Amino acid sequence: MAIEVKGRTIATTDTGYLENHADWDEDVARKIAEGEGIELTDKHWDVINYLRDEYINNGQNQPMERVVLKDMGKMWGSKPTSKDLYQLFPLAPTKQGTKIAGLPAVKRKGGY
């Protein structure tokens, strides 16, 4: 599969994740989010950039939801609830957020 973004063809897996996270940029994120039915806000970008930073600069770490909640609380000044993150990413913040962030699919089973 592939997506078209500003004249570029970006390879994706059958489930819509980028095959190469280096192909990602904000336009690619917007295109993926559009396909997911999400209009990106500043809070979405905070989560997306956080997930990318964790993966790229922290040994390919893909944090569990409770870690994302804790770290977003530090960034936003008050800890969001799980419901808050699911309002941003209805199909699971760490999975749908990871897809929009251009990162590989999360392989772990469940987990809060």
C-alpha atoms as a PDB file:
ATOM      1  CA  MET A   1       0.000   0.000   0.000  1.00  0.00           C
ATOM      2  CA  ALA A   2       0.996   3.631  -0.266  1.00  0.00           C
ATOM      3  CA  ILE A   3      -0.232   7.161   0.310  1.00  0.00           C
ATOM      4  CA  GLU A   4       0.320  10.211  -1.891  1.00  0.00           C
ATOM      5  CA  VAL A   5       1.535  13.358  -0.151  1.00  0.00           C
ATOM      6  CA  LYS A   6       2.454  16.475  -2.144  1.00  0.00           C
ATOM      7  CA  GLY A   7       3.621  14.494  -5.147  1.00  0.00           C
ATOM      8  CA  ARG A   8       5.477  11.868  -3.102  1.00  0.00           C
ATOM      9  CA  THR A   9       4.476   8.235  -2.845  1.00  0.00           C
ATOM     10  CA  ILE A  10       4.998   6.967   0.705  1.00  0.00           C
ATOM     11  CA  ALA A  11       5.028   3.193   1.261  1.00  0.00           C
ATOM     12  CA  THR A  12       2.777   1.868   4.020  1.00  0.00           C
ATOM     13  CA  THR A  13       1.981  -1.514   5.473  1.00  0.00           C
ATOM     14  CA  ASP A  14      -1.365  -3.217   4.881  1.00  0.00           C
ATOM     15  CA  THR A  15      -2.586  -1.616   8.117  1.00  0.00           C
ATOM     16  CA  GLY A  16      -1.514   1.919   7.130  1.00  0.00           C
ATOM     17  CA  TYR A  17       1.703   2.329   9.132  1.00  0.00           C
ATOM     18  CA  LEU A  18       4.702   3.817   7.339  1.00  0.00           C
ATOM     19  CA  GLU A  19       7.224   1.258   6.176  1.00  0.00           C
ATOM     20  CA  ASN A  20      10.041   3.739   6.875  1.00  0.00           C
ATOM     21  CA  HIS A  21       9.613   6.250   9.698  1.00  0.00           C
ATOM     22  CA  ALA A  22      12.168   8.510   7.974  1.00  0.00           C
ATOM     23  CA  ASP A  23       9.524   9.221   5.283  1.00  0.00           C
ATOM     24  CA  TRP A  24       7.443  11.045   7.893  1.00  0.00           C
ATOM     25  CA  ASP A  25       6.861  14.782   8.036  1.00  0.00           C
ATOM     26  CA  GLU A  26       3.953  16.913   9.222  1.00  0.00           C
ATOM     27  CA  ASP A  27       2.221  16.712   5.831  1.00  0.00           C
ATOM     28  CA  VAL A  28       2.388  12.913   5.997  1.00  0.00           C
ATOM     29  CA  ALA A  29       0.939  13.057   9.530  1.00  0.00           C
ATOM     30  CA  ARG A  30      -1.932  15.233   8.335  1.00  0.00           C
ATOM     31  CA  LYS A  31      -2.666  12.802   5.481  1.00  0.00           C
ATOM     32  CA  ILE A  32      -2.681   9.779   7.810  1.00  0.00           C
ATOM     33  CA  ALA A  33      -4.818  11.654  10.351  1.00  0.00           C
ATOM     34  CA  GLU A  34      -7.266  12.604   7.619  1.00  0.00           C
ATOM     35  CA  GLY A  35      -7.611   8.915   6.736  1.00  0.00           C
ATOM     36  CA  GLU A  36      -8.249   8.209  10.425  1.00  0.00           C
ATOM     37  CA  GLY A  37     -10.919  10.930  10.595  1.00  0.00           C
ATOM     38  CA  ILE A  38      -8.858  13.121  12.930  1.00  0.00           C
ATOM     39  CA  GLU A  39      -8.270  16.858  12.627  1.00  0.00           C
ATOM     40  CA  LEU A  40      -4.976  17.544  14.376  1.00  0.00           C
ATOM     41  CA  THR A  41      -4.858  20.083  17.210  1.00  0.00           C
ATOM     42  CA  ASP A  42      -1.944  21.312  19.333  1.00  0.00           C
ATOM     43  CA  LYS A  43      -2.596  18.498  21.829  1.00  0.00           C
ATOM     44  CA  HIS A  44      -2.475  15.907  19.063  1.00  0.00           C
ATOM     45  CA  TRP A  45       0.874  17.341  17.950  1.00  0.00           C
ATOM     46  CA  ASP A  46       2.174  17.211  21.530  1.00  0.00           C
ATOM     47  CA  VAL A  47       1.405  13.486  21.705  1.00  0.00           C
ATOM     48  CA  ILE A  48       2.705  12.796  18.185  1.00  0.00           C
ATOM     49  CA  ASN A  49       5.979  14.639  18.778  1.00  0.00           C
ATOM     50  CA  TYR A  50       6.382  12.949  22.162  1.00  0.00           C
ATOM     51  CA  LEU A  51       5.881   9.483  20.634  1.00  0.00           C
ATOM     52  CA  ARG A  52       8.382  10.265  17.877  1.00  0.00           C
ATOM     53  CA  ASP A  53      10.939  11.577  20.350  1.00  0.00           C
ATOM     54  CA  GLU A  54      10.591   8.478  22.533  1.00  0.00           C
ATOM     55  CA  TYR A  55      11.037   6.175  19.556  1.00  0.00           C
ATOM     56  CA  ILE A  56      13.822   8.019  17.748  1.00  0.00           C
ATOM     57  CA  ASN A  57      15.821   9.347  20.715  1.00  0.00           C
ATOM     58  CA  ASN A  58      15.107   6.751  23.407  1.00  0.00           C
ATOM     59  CA  GLY A  59      16.027   3.372  21.954  1.00  0.00           C
ATOM     60  CA  GLN A  60      12.837   2.826  19.941  1.00  0.00           C
ATOM     61  CA  ASN A  61      10.743   3.104  23.100  1.00  0.00           C
ATOM     62  CA  GLN A  62       6.996   2.883  22.531  1.00  0.00           C
ATOM     63  CA  PRO A  63       5.535   3.965  25.883  1.00  0.00           C
ATOM     64  CA  MET A  64       2.407   2.467  27.370  1.00  0.00           C
ATOM     65  CA  GLU A  65      -0.631   4.677  27.862  1.00  0.00           C
ATOM     66  CA  ARG A  66      -0.038   5.394  31.558  1.00  0.00           C
ATOM     67  CA  VAL A  67       3.457   6.711  30.760  1.00  0.00           C
ATOM     68  CA  VAL A  68       2.026   8.914  28.011  1.00  0.00           C
ATOM     69  CA  LEU A  69      -0.584  10.229  30.480  1.00  0.00           C
ATOM     70  CA  LYS A  70       2.096  11.038  33.047  1.00  0.00           C
ATOM     71  CA  ASP A  71       4.385  12.758  30.556  1.00  0.00           C
ATOM     72  CA  MET A  72       1.562  14.731  28.906  1.00  0.00           C
ATOM     73  CA  GLY A  73       0.564  15.881  32.394  1.00  0.00           C
ATOM     74  CA  LYS A  74       4.040  17.341  32.839  1.00  0.00           C
ATOM     75  CA  MET A  75       3.812  19.047  29.450  1.00  0.00           C
ATOM     76  CA  TRP A  76       0.249  20.314  29.824  1.00  0.00           C
ATOM     77  CA  GLY A  77       0.400  21.290  33.503  1.00  0.00           C
ATOM     78  CA  SER A  78      -2.296  18.827  34.596  1.00  0.00           C
ATOM     79  CA  LYS A  79      -2.498  15.095  34.076  1.00  0.00           C
ATOM     80  CA  PRO A  80      -5.051  14.118  31.440  1.00  0.00           C
ATOM     81  CA  THR A  81      -7.343  11.161  31.971  1.00  0.00           C
ATOM     82  CA  SER A  82      -7.363   8.127  29.741  1.00  0.00           C
ATOM     83  CA  LYS A  83     -10.666   9.461  28.376  1.00  0.00           C
ATOM     84  CA  ASP A  84      -8.916  12.708  27.377  1.00  0.00           C
ATOM     85  CA  LEU A  85      -6.383  10.800  25.263  1.00  0.00           C
ATOM     86  CA  TYR A  86      -9.095   8.640  23.711  1.00  0.00           C
ATOM     87  CA  GLN A  87     -10.927  11.803  22.668  1.00  0.00           C
ATOM     88  CA  LEU A  88      -7.781  12.739  20.746  1.00  0.00           C
ATOM     89  CA  PHE A  89      -7.123   9.236  19.376  1.00  0.00           C
ATOM     90  CA  PRO A  90     -10.352   7.174  19.597  1.00  0.00           C
ATOM     91  CA  LEU A  91      -8.770   3.925  18.386  1.00  0.00           C
ATOM     92  CA  ALA A  92      -6.134   3.903  21.170  1.00  0.00           C
ATOM     93  CA  PRO A  93      -3.682   6.728  21.802  1.00  0.00           C
ATOM     94  CA  THR A  94      -0.568   4.594  21.665  1.00  0.00           C
ATOM     95  CA  LYS A  95      -1.666   2.754  18.512  1.00  0.00           C
ATOM     96  CA  GLN A  96      -3.446   5.408  16.471  1.00  0.00           C
ATOM     97  CA  GLY A  97      -1.057   8.093  17.713  1.00  0.00           C
ATOM     98  CA  THR A  98       1.888   5.928  16.717  1.00  0.00           C
ATOM     99  CA  LYS A  99       0.420   5.439  13.229  1.00  0.00           C
ATOM    100  CA  ILE A 100      -0.018   9.189  12.710  1.00  0.00           C
ATOM    101  CA  ALA A 101       3.486   9.750  14.116  1.00  0.00           C
ATOM    102  CA  GLY A 102       4.821   7.549  11.317  1.00  0.00           C
ATOM    103  CA  LEU A 103       6.216   4.904  13.646  1.00  0.00           C
ATOM    104  CA  PRO A 104       6.003   1.098  13.479  1.00  0.00           C
ATOM    105  CA  ALA A 105       2.928  -0.603  14.888  1.00  0.00           C
ATOM    106  CA  VAL A 106       3.065  -1.305  18.612  1.00  0.00           C
ATOM    107  CA  LYS A 107       3.740  -5.016  19.081  1.00  0.00           C
ATOM    108  CA  ARG A 108       2.950  -5.466  22.772  1.00  0.00           C
ATOM    109  CA  LYS A 109      -0.315  -7.039  23.879  1.00  0.00           C
ATOM    110  CA  GLY A 110      -2.795  -4.739  25.590  1.00  0.00           C
ATOM    111  CA  GLY A 111      -1.371  -3.021  28.610  1.00  0.00           C
ATOM    112  CA  TYR A 112      -2.330   0.174  30.316  1.00  0.00           C
END
